[in-house]
Structure formats: structure tokens, C-alpha cells
N, C-alpha and C. Protein backbone atom coordinates (compact mmCIF):
# COMPACT_ATOMS: atom_id res chain seq x y z
N MET A 1 -0.96 -39.42 10.89
CA MET A 1 -2.26 -39.53 11.50
C MET A 1 -3.17 -38.49 10.86
N TYR A 2 -4.44 -38.82 10.73
CA TYR A 2 -5.42 -37.92 10.15
C TYR A 2 -6.53 -37.63 11.16
N TRP A 3 -7.02 -36.41 11.15
CA TRP A 3 -8.19 -36.02 11.93
C TRP A 3 -9.20 -35.48 10.94
N LEU A 4 -10.28 -36.23 10.73
CA LEU A 4 -11.26 -35.85 9.72
C LEU A 4 -12.23 -34.80 10.26
N LYS A 5 -12.46 -33.76 9.47
CA LYS A 5 -13.41 -32.68 9.80
C LYS A 5 -13.12 -32.08 11.18
N SER A 6 -11.86 -31.90 11.50
CA SER A 6 -11.50 -31.47 12.85
C SER A 6 -10.96 -30.06 12.95
N TYR A 7 -10.74 -29.39 11.82
CA TYR A 7 -10.19 -28.05 11.92
C TYR A 7 -11.33 -27.05 12.10
N PRO A 8 -11.33 -26.29 13.20
CA PRO A 8 -12.46 -25.41 13.50
C PRO A 8 -12.67 -24.27 12.50
N ARG A 9 -11.64 -23.79 11.86
CA ARG A 9 -11.79 -22.65 10.94
C ARG A 9 -12.57 -23.02 9.68
N CYS A 10 -12.22 -24.15 9.06
CA CYS A 10 -12.84 -24.49 7.78
C CYS A 10 -13.49 -25.88 7.80
N SER A 11 -13.52 -26.53 8.94
CA SER A 11 -14.03 -27.90 9.08
C SER A 11 -13.30 -28.86 8.15
N GLY A 12 -12.03 -28.59 7.94
CA GLY A 12 -11.23 -29.41 7.04
C GLY A 12 -10.59 -30.59 7.74
N ASP A 13 -9.96 -31.43 6.93
CA ASP A 13 -9.27 -32.61 7.42
C ASP A 13 -7.82 -32.25 7.73
N LEU A 14 -7.35 -32.69 8.88
CA LEU A 14 -5.99 -32.40 9.31
C LEU A 14 -5.11 -33.62 9.12
N PHE A 15 -3.83 -33.39 8.86
CA PHE A 15 -2.88 -34.49 8.76
C PHE A 15 -1.58 -34.10 9.43
N GLU A 16 -0.91 -35.11 9.97
CA GLU A 16 0.37 -34.89 10.64
C GLU A 16 1.50 -35.07 9.64
N ASN A 17 2.42 -34.13 9.66
CA ASN A 17 3.56 -34.15 8.76
C ASN A 17 4.80 -33.85 9.59
N SER A 18 5.97 -34.10 9.04
CA SER A 18 7.19 -33.80 9.80
C SER A 18 8.32 -33.45 8.84
N ASP A 19 9.29 -32.74 9.38
CA ASP A 19 10.51 -32.45 8.65
C ASP A 19 11.68 -32.78 9.56
N ASN A 20 12.85 -32.25 9.26
CA ASN A 20 14.04 -32.57 10.06
C ASN A 20 13.99 -32.00 11.47
N TYR A 21 13.15 -31.01 11.70
CA TYR A 21 13.17 -30.30 12.96
C TYR A 21 12.03 -30.66 13.90
N ARG A 22 10.84 -30.93 13.37
CA ARG A 22 9.69 -31.20 14.24
C ARG A 22 8.57 -31.83 13.42
N SER A 23 7.56 -32.29 14.13
CA SER A 23 6.33 -32.72 13.45
C SER A 23 5.30 -31.61 13.61
N TYR A 24 4.38 -31.53 12.69
CA TYR A 24 3.37 -30.48 12.72
C TYR A 24 2.10 -30.99 12.06
N ILE A 25 1.02 -30.24 12.26
CA ILE A 25 -0.28 -30.62 11.72
C ILE A 25 -0.72 -29.55 10.72
N ASP A 26 -1.13 -29.99 9.53
CA ASP A 26 -1.61 -29.09 8.48
C ASP A 26 -3.03 -29.45 8.10
N CYS A 27 -3.72 -28.50 7.48
CA CYS A 27 -5.08 -28.73 6.99
C CYS A 27 -5.02 -29.01 5.49
N PHE A 28 -5.70 -30.07 5.05
CA PHE A 28 -5.75 -30.39 3.62
C PHE A 28 -6.49 -29.31 2.84
N GLN A 29 -7.60 -28.80 3.37
CA GLN A 29 -8.45 -27.91 2.61
C GLN A 29 -7.86 -26.51 2.46
N CYS A 30 -7.45 -25.89 3.56
CA CYS A 30 -6.99 -24.50 3.47
C CYS A 30 -5.47 -24.37 3.53
N GLY A 31 -4.74 -25.44 3.88
CA GLY A 31 -3.29 -25.39 3.90
C GLY A 31 -2.68 -24.74 5.12
N HIS A 32 -3.49 -24.38 6.10
CA HIS A 32 -2.99 -23.71 7.29
C HIS A 32 -2.21 -24.68 8.17
N SER A 33 -1.07 -24.23 8.70
CA SER A 33 -0.32 -25.01 9.68
C SER A 33 -0.77 -24.58 11.07
N LEU A 34 -1.13 -25.52 11.89
CA LEU A 34 -1.63 -25.20 13.21
C LEU A 34 -0.53 -24.65 14.11
N THR A 35 -0.91 -23.77 15.02
CA THR A 35 0.02 -23.27 16.02
C THR A 35 0.21 -24.34 17.09
N ALA A 36 1.16 -24.12 17.99
CA ALA A 36 1.42 -25.08 19.05
C ALA A 36 0.20 -25.26 19.96
N VAL A 37 -0.52 -24.18 20.21
CA VAL A 37 -1.72 -24.25 21.06
C VAL A 37 -2.82 -25.04 20.36
N GLU A 38 -3.03 -24.79 19.06
CA GLU A 38 -4.04 -25.53 18.30
C GLU A 38 -3.68 -27.02 18.21
N GLU A 39 -2.39 -27.31 18.02
CA GLU A 39 -1.95 -28.70 17.97
C GLU A 39 -2.22 -29.41 19.28
N ALA A 40 -1.92 -28.76 20.40
CA ALA A 40 -2.16 -29.38 21.70
C ALA A 40 -3.65 -29.63 21.90
N ASP A 41 -4.48 -28.71 21.45
CA ASP A 41 -5.93 -28.88 21.57
C ASP A 41 -6.40 -30.08 20.76
N ILE A 42 -5.91 -30.22 19.55
CA ILE A 42 -6.30 -31.34 18.69
C ILE A 42 -5.76 -32.66 19.23
N ARG A 43 -4.50 -32.67 19.62
CA ARG A 43 -3.86 -33.92 20.05
C ARG A 43 -4.35 -34.43 21.40
N TYR A 44 -4.57 -33.53 22.36
CA TYR A 44 -4.76 -33.99 23.74
C TYR A 44 -6.08 -33.56 24.38
N ASP A 45 -6.52 -32.34 24.14
CA ASP A 45 -7.61 -31.79 24.95
C ASP A 45 -8.99 -31.92 24.33
N ASN A 46 -9.10 -32.12 23.04
CA ASN A 46 -10.37 -31.92 22.36
C ASN A 46 -10.96 -33.23 21.83
N PHE A 47 -10.98 -34.26 22.65
CA PHE A 47 -11.45 -35.56 22.18
C PHE A 47 -12.94 -35.58 21.89
N SER A 48 -13.73 -34.78 22.57
CA SER A 48 -15.18 -34.86 22.41
C SER A 48 -15.66 -34.25 21.10
N THR A 49 -14.96 -33.28 20.53
CA THR A 49 -15.44 -32.64 19.31
C THR A 49 -14.82 -33.22 18.05
N ARG A 50 -13.79 -34.04 18.17
CA ARG A 50 -13.22 -34.69 16.99
C ARG A 50 -14.15 -35.78 16.52
N THR A 51 -14.15 -36.03 15.23
CA THR A 51 -14.97 -37.12 14.73
C THR A 51 -14.29 -38.45 15.05
N TYR A 52 -13.17 -38.75 14.45
CA TYR A 52 -12.36 -39.90 14.80
C TYR A 52 -10.99 -39.73 14.17
N THR A 53 -10.05 -40.51 14.65
CA THR A 53 -8.67 -40.44 14.22
C THR A 53 -8.32 -41.69 13.44
N ILE A 54 -7.65 -41.52 12.31
CA ILE A 54 -7.25 -42.66 11.49
C ILE A 54 -5.73 -42.70 11.46
N LEU A 55 -5.17 -43.82 11.87
CA LEU A 55 -3.73 -44.00 11.80
C LEU A 55 -3.33 -44.28 10.36
N LEU A 56 -2.12 -43.92 9.99
CA LEU A 56 -1.68 -44.06 8.61
C LEU A 56 -1.56 -45.51 8.16
N ASP A 57 -1.35 -46.43 9.08
CA ASP A 57 -1.13 -47.81 8.69
C ASP A 57 -2.39 -48.68 8.75
N MET A 58 -3.57 -48.07 8.87
CA MET A 58 -4.81 -48.85 8.91
C MET A 58 -5.18 -49.32 7.51
N PRO A 59 -5.57 -50.58 7.36
CA PRO A 59 -5.97 -51.06 6.04
C PRO A 59 -7.30 -50.45 5.60
N ILE A 60 -7.52 -50.46 4.30
CA ILE A 60 -8.72 -49.85 3.71
C ILE A 60 -9.99 -50.54 4.21
N ARG A 61 -9.96 -51.84 4.41
CA ARG A 61 -11.15 -52.54 4.89
C ARG A 61 -11.60 -52.02 6.25
N VAL A 62 -10.65 -51.70 7.11
CA VAL A 62 -11.00 -51.15 8.42
C VAL A 62 -11.62 -49.77 8.24
N LEU A 63 -11.08 -48.97 7.34
CA LEU A 63 -11.65 -47.65 7.08
C LEU A 63 -13.07 -47.75 6.54
N ALA A 64 -13.32 -48.72 5.69
CA ALA A 64 -14.67 -48.91 5.16
C ALA A 64 -15.64 -49.30 6.27
N ALA A 65 -15.18 -50.09 7.22
CA ALA A 65 -16.03 -50.48 8.34
C ALA A 65 -16.34 -49.28 9.23
N ILE A 66 -15.38 -48.38 9.41
CA ILE A 66 -15.60 -47.18 10.21
C ILE A 66 -16.61 -46.27 9.52
N ALA A 67 -16.49 -46.12 8.22
CA ALA A 67 -17.36 -45.21 7.47
C ALA A 67 -18.78 -45.73 7.35
N ALA A 68 -18.97 -47.03 7.47
CA ALA A 68 -20.32 -47.61 7.30
C ALA A 68 -21.22 -47.34 8.48
């Protein structure tokens, strides 16, 4: 999952990643891994300040319609 322009420190794009132990959210621009509190804020509490969320399996045509 991606959160565009949602990271408060650098206004960067966030993406969800995972390894064998857990899933986590990283920033594309600065490379910072969010803490558990920041992740909870992005995932659950902060819907009004996020731009929008893009699921990984959305086709490009849908993304173009969102961006227009």
C-alpha cells in the first residue's frame, strides 16, 4: 500500500513493506522507517490529512483517473 505525500517530516511518499517478522512503513524520499506510533497514526487515526491511499493491485488506468 502507498500513502502519497503523507510523511510529516519530509512530505514524502510512504510504502508498506514486510519481512519474516513484521510489516512496516518506510518513506521513499528520506528512507526513514516509521515507529509504531507513527504507523498507527498513518494507518488508523490520520485520515483527514492523508491525500489518498493506493493499493498495490490497482490498475494504471484507475490511478490515472484519480490523478486527473
